[in-house]
Protein backbone atom coordinates (compact mmCIF):
# COMPACT_ATOMS: atom_id res chain seq x y z
CA MET A 1 0.00 0.00 0.00
CA SER A 2 1.33 3.44 -0.91
CA LEU A 3 2.24 6.00 1.73
CA PHE A 4 -0.49 8.36 0.50
CA LYS A 5 -3.18 5.65 0.59
CA SER A 6 -1.96 4.47 3.97
CA ILE A 7 -2.25 7.93 5.51
CA CYS A 8 -5.73 8.43 4.02
CA ARG A 9 -6.95 4.99 5.12
CA ARG A 10 -5.66 5.46 8.62
CA SER A 11 -7.14 8.94 8.87
CA LEU A 12 -10.60 7.72 7.81
CA GLY A 13 -10.44 4.78 10.18
CA ALA A 14 -9.31 7.08 12.96
CA LEU A 15 -12.28 9.38 12.43
CA ALA A 16 -14.73 6.50 12.61
CA PHE A 17 -13.07 5.02 15.68
CA ALA A 18 -12.83 8.44 17.36
CA GLY A 19 -16.56 8.96 16.83
CA ILE A 20 -17.38 5.71 18.61
CA VAL A 21 -15.11 6.54 21.52
CA ALA A 22 -16.25 10.16 21.77
CA ALA A 23 -19.84 9.03 22.18
CA SER A 24 -18.87 7.18 25.33
CA LEU A 25 -16.63 9.84 26.81
CA GLY A 26 -19.44 11.77 28.45
CA ILE A 27 -20.45 8.73 30.46
CA ALA A 28 -17.40 8.31 32.64
CA PRO A 29 -14.77 11.02 32.18
CA ALA A 30 -11.44 10.57 33.88
CA SER A 31 -10.95 12.33 37.19
CA ALA A 32 -7.63 10.93 38.38
CA ALA A 33 -4.85 13.33 39.31
CA THR A 34 -2.32 11.01 40.97
CA PRO A 35 -0.80 7.60 40.27
CA GLU A 36 -2.54 6.30 43.40
CA GLU A 37 -5.96 7.34 42.13
CA ILE A 38 -5.31 5.72 38.76
CA LYS A 39 -4.25 2.51 40.49
CA ALA A 40 -7.40 2.58 42.61
CA ARG A 41 -9.56 3.09 39.51
CA GLY A 42 -7.68 0.30 37.71
CA LYS A 43 -7.53 2.10 34.38
CA LEU A 44 -5.31 4.66 32.64
CA MET A 45 -6.94 6.76 29.92
CA VAL A 46 -4.42 7.98 27.34
CA GLY A 47 -5.05 10.33 24.43
CA VAL A 48 -3.21 9.24 21.25
CA LEU A 49 -3.12 10.41 17.65
CA THR A 50 -4.32 7.95 15.01
CA ASP A 51 -3.52 10.00 11.89
CA TYR A 52 0.24 10.44 12.25
CA PRO A 53 1.95 7.10 11.70
CA PRO A 54 4.27 5.65 12.78
CA PHE A 55 4.03 7.70 16.00
CA GLY A 56 0.27 7.26 16.04
CA GLY A 57 -1.70 5.34 13.42
CA THR A 58 -4.08 2.39 13.25
CA ASP A 59 -3.60 -1.30 12.60
CA ALA A 60 -5.48 -3.64 10.26
CA GLN A 61 -8.37 -3.74 12.73
CA GLN A 62 -8.51 0.08 12.84
CA GLN A 63 -7.24 0.10 16.41
CA PRO A 64 -4.63 2.66 17.58
CA ALA A 65 -1.06 1.52 16.94
CA GLY A 66 2.38 3.09 16.85
CA TYR A 67 5.28 4.40 18.89
CA ASP A 68 3.06 6.44 21.23
CA VAL A 69 0.69 3.52 21.79
CA ASP A 70 3.58 1.25 22.75
CA VAL A 71 4.81 3.84 25.25
CA ALA A 72 1.27 4.11 26.66
CA LYS A 73 1.12 0.33 27.07
CA LEU A 74 4.37 0.35 29.05
CA LEU A 75 3.10 3.20 31.24
CA ALA A 76 -0.11 1.32 32.06
CA LYS A 77 1.93 -1.82 32.77
CA SER A 78 4.18 0.18 35.09
CA LEU A 79 1.12 1.40 37.00
CA GLY A 80 -0.37 -2.09 37.03
CA VAL A 81 -3.64 -0.99 35.43
CA GLU A 82 -5.75 -1.51 32.29
CA LEU A 83 -5.08 0.83 29.37
CA GLU A 84 -7.85 2.68 27.54
CA LEU A 85 -6.71 4.46 24.37
CA VAL A 86 -8.69 7.53 23.34
CA PRO A 87 -8.08 8.86 19.80
CA VAL A 88 -7.48 12.61 19.68
CA THR A 89 -6.66 15.09 16.94
CA GLY A 90 -4.22 17.96 16.80
CA PRO A 91 -6.89 20.59 17.58
CA ASN A 92 -8.71 18.68 20.34
CA ARG A 93 -5.72 17.26 22.22
CA ILE A 94 -5.62 19.94 24.89
CA PRO A 95 -9.42 20.26 25.29
CA TYR A 96 -9.72 16.50 25.88
CA LEU A 97 -7.08 16.72 28.59
CA LEU A 98 -8.42 19.83 30.30
CA THR A 99 -12.00 18.51 30.38
CA ASN A 100 -10.92 15.27 32.11
CA LYS A 101 -11.72 12.97 29.21
CA ILE A 102 -8.20 11.51 29.51
CA ASP A 103 -5.50 11.29 32.16
CA VAL A 104 -2.52 12.04 29.92
CA LEU A 105 -1.63 12.88 26.35
CA ILE A 106 0.95 10.70 24.62
CA ALA A 107 0.33 12.19 21.22
CA THR A 108 3.52 13.41 19.49
CA PHE A 109 3.03 16.68 21.38
CA GLY A 110 5.88 19.12 20.84
CA ILE A 111 7.06 20.84 24.01
CA THR A 112 6.62 24.60 23.54
CA ALA A 113 6.38 27.61 25.82
CA GLU A 114 2.94 28.49 24.44
CA ARG A 115 1.52 25.04 25.21
CA ALA A 116 3.18 25.03 28.63
CA LYS A 117 0.84 27.87 29.60
CA GLN A 118 -2.00 25.34 29.53
CA VAL A 119 -0.44 21.97 30.41
CA LEU A 120 2.40 20.32 32.31
CA PHE A 121 4.95 18.48 30.17
CA SER A 122 7.00 15.44 31.03
CA ASN A 123 10.60 15.21 29.97
CA PRO A 124 10.94 14.26 26.28
CA TYR A 125 10.18 10.63 25.42
CA SER A 126 10.54 11.06 21.64
CA ALA A 127 11.69 13.59 19.07
CA LEU A 128 11.28 14.42 15.43
CA THR A 129 13.04 16.68 12.96
CA ILE A 130 11.29 18.93 10.47
CA TYR A 131 13.05 19.39 7.12
CA VAL A 132 12.72 20.70 3.63
CA LEU A 133 12.83 17.43 1.69
CA ALA A 134 13.69 17.21 -2.00
CA PRO A 135 15.29 14.81 -4.52
CA LYS A 136 19.06 14.38 -4.39
CA SER A 137 19.29 15.91 -7.87
CA LEU A 138 17.87 19.23 -6.65
CA SER A 139 20.44 21.65 -5.21
CA ILE A 140 19.18 23.40 -2.08
CA LYS A 141 21.92 24.54 0.26
CA THR A 142 20.57 27.77 1.77
CA PRO A 143 17.13 29.34 2.31
CA GLU A 144 17.84 31.63 -0.65
CA ASP A 145 17.79 28.56 -2.92
CA LEU A 146 14.12 28.01 -2.08
CA LYS A 147 13.16 30.90 -4.35
CA SER A 148 13.48 28.68 -7.41
CA VAL A 149 11.69 25.67 -5.88
CA SER A 150 8.00 24.80 -5.51
CA ILE A 151 7.27 23.43 -2.03
CA SER A 152 4.16 21.82 -0.52
CA VAL A 153 3.20 22.07 3.14
CA ALA A 154 0.20 21.34 5.31
CA ARG A 155 -1.49 24.64 6.02
CA ALA A 156 -0.68 26.22 9.43
CA SER A 157 1.60 23.32 10.34
CA THR A 158 4.97 23.56 12.08
CA GLN A 159 6.68 23.17 8.74
CA ASP A 160 4.52 25.89 7.14
CA THR A 161 5.50 28.32 9.88
CA ALA A 162 9.18 27.36 9.73
CA ILE A 163 9.51 27.60 5.95
CA SER A 164 7.55 30.85 5.81
CA ALA A 165 10.00 32.35 8.28
CA ILE A 166 13.10 31.64 6.16
CA ALA A 167 11.90 31.55 2.55
CA PRO A 168 12.81 34.61 0.44
CA PRO A 169 10.05 36.66 -1.22
CA GLY A 170 8.74 34.98 -4.33
CA THR A 171 9.12 31.40 -3.07
CA GLU A 172 6.36 29.18 -4.46
CA LEU A 173 4.93 27.74 -1.26
CA LYS A 174 1.80 25.70 -1.91
CA ARG A 175 -0.40 25.14 1.14
CA PHE A 176 -2.72 22.17 1.38
CA ASP A 177 -5.36 21.30 3.95
CA ASP A 178 -3.52 18.29 5.38
CA ASP A 179 -0.33 16.25 5.21
CA ALA A 180 -1.84 13.67 2.87
CA THR A 181 -2.65 16.15 0.11
CA ALA A 182 0.67 17.97 0.55
CA LEU A 183 2.39 14.62 0.17
CA GLN A 184 0.34 13.67 -2.88
CA ALA A 185 1.34 16.95 -4.51
CA LEU A 186 4.98 15.88 -4.20
CA ILE A 187 4.40 12.31 -5.36
CA SER A 188 2.40 13.45 -8.40
CA GLY A 189 5.00 16.03 -9.41
CA GLN A 190 2.94 19.14 -8.67
CA VAL A 191 5.80 20.39 -6.50
CA GLN A 192 9.52 19.71 -6.26
CA ALA A 193 9.93 19.69 -2.48
CA ILE A 194 7.97 19.31 0.73
CA GLY A 195 8.16 20.51 4.30
CA ALA A 196 7.91 17.34 6.40
CA SER A 197 9.38 15.34 9.26
CA ASN A 198 11.88 12.50 9.39
CA THR A 199 8.93 10.12 9.77
CA ILE A 200 7.63 11.13 6.33
CA LEU A 201 11.15 10.90 4.90
CA ALA A 202 11.52 7.31 6.10
CA GLN A 203 8.19 6.29 4.59
CA LEU A 204 8.88 8.11 1.31
CA ASN A 205 12.19 6.34 0.87
CA LYS A 206 10.52 3.02 1.66
CA ASP A 207 7.50 3.42 -0.63
CA TYR A 208 8.92 5.71 -3.34
CA PRO A 209 12.67 5.04 -3.50
CA GLN A 210 12.72 6.28 -7.08
CA LEU A 211 12.12 9.83 -5.83
CA GLN A 212 15.50 9.74 -4.01
CA MET A 213 14.34 12.14 -1.31
CA GLU A 214 16.76 13.59 1.22
CA PRO A 215 16.86 16.39 3.81
CA LYS A 216 18.00 19.71 2.35
CA LEU A 217 17.42 22.20 5.17
CA THR A 218 16.75 21.40 8.83
CA LEU A 219 13.89 23.58 10.00
CA ARG A 220 13.28 22.46 13.55
CA GLU A 221 14.15 19.82 16.12
CA GLN A 222 11.01 18.99 18.10
CA ALA A 223 11.10 17.32 21.51
CA ASN A 224 7.84 15.55 22.34
CA GLY A 225 6.54 15.17 25.87
CA MET A 226 3.58 13.64 27.63
CA ALA A 227 1.11 16.30 28.75
CA PHE A 228 -0.87 16.57 31.98
CA ARG A 229 -3.25 19.00 33.63
CA LYS A 230 -1.51 21.70 35.64
CA SER A 231 -2.67 20.16 38.92
CA ASP A 232 -1.34 16.68 38.12
CA THR A 233 2.22 17.19 39.32
CA ALA A 234 2.42 13.75 40.97
CA LEU A 235 1.55 12.03 37.70
CA GLN A 236 4.06 14.18 35.84
CA GLN A 237 6.81 13.19 38.30
CA TYR A 238 5.86 9.53 37.97
CA ALA A 239 6.06 9.83 34.18
CA ASN A 240 9.50 11.43 34.32
CA SER A 241 10.81 8.52 36.39
CA PHE A 242 9.12 6.06 34.05
CA ILE A 243 10.67 7.67 30.93
CA ALA A 244 14.13 7.61 32.51
CA GLU A 245 13.69 3.93 33.36
CA ILE A 246 12.54 2.74 29.91
CA GLU A 247 15.30 4.74 28.26
CA LYS A 248 17.87 3.16 30.59
CA ASN A 249 16.63 -0.43 30.27
CA GLY A 250 16.36 -0.31 26.47
CA GLU A 251 12.58 -0.68 26.14
CA LEU A 252 12.23 2.75 24.54
CA SER A 253 15.00 1.97 22.05
CA ALA A 254 13.20 -1.29 21.17
CA ILE A 255 10.04 0.71 20.42
CA ASN A 256 12.02 3.07 18.20
CA GLN A 257 13.56 0.09 16.40
CA ARG A 258 10.12 -1.43 15.86
CA TRP A 259 8.57 1.67 14.29
CA PHE A 260 11.51 3.51 12.71
CA GLY A 261 13.98 0.72 11.99
CA THR A 262 16.80 2.21 14.05
CA PRO A 263 17.79 2.20 17.73
CA LEU A 264 16.91 5.27 19.75
CA THR A 265 19.53 7.98 19.78
CA LYS A 266 19.90 10.07 22.92
CA LEU A 267 16.70 11.87 23.78
CA PRO A 268 16.85 15.67 23.50
CA PRO A 269 17.04 17.73 26.69
CA MET A 270 13.96 19.40 28.08
CA PRO A 271 13.50 22.65 26.11
CA GLN A 272 13.95 25.89 27.99
CA LEU A 273 10.39 27.23 28.39
């Protein structure tokens, strides 16, 4: 299955699954604030993305699967409780957390000062890099070189913001409504380059090796953290100890190997907020 079709299929499945789960959320929203309360309840409710594989996608049964899901499974195991996965989207991640529909977000959530005004972050448990990606045959060495290149991005995404900040006037930056259509524009030859992460690069080189895509400009290194409500400091501290432990014992590296094909490199430091 192509990368484009895979993203679309997973996104549609995620929407259907999210609708089923959302209908039940009003019945018994989470109220736990400490590890002890979660243990007493016997269940950990984790918000995960299902439209951003391999961090968060769906499997053949349209159930959440990916790097973040595997981390969530280990966290629930550490607490000795059942795991309930709740699909979230980029826009509703924080609202789901703040309205007690979940206990924690493990959803490829970049640690930023703006988001830290609303939530508590754990130390990083994963990272991704945002690039300008283009074929090896295309020479792009500096931002000035972008002026002669057509580039696709998902509208209002991290990569859109980053490229807009460095691209010279006159750069042909084509904005699409989502990652799937921005990606299809590249695959179909509508554009020469794309703003995307290392996760997209890995999948492109797997599914479309003939494109010979490579990073040209590094736009941003993003450290991802779990997110908690501001009052849930005990759960945040537990998570920090948990992350340190699974990094030390190799379980986190095994997850990275499973989903990205390489061992985990050293996690980035906590950003200065």
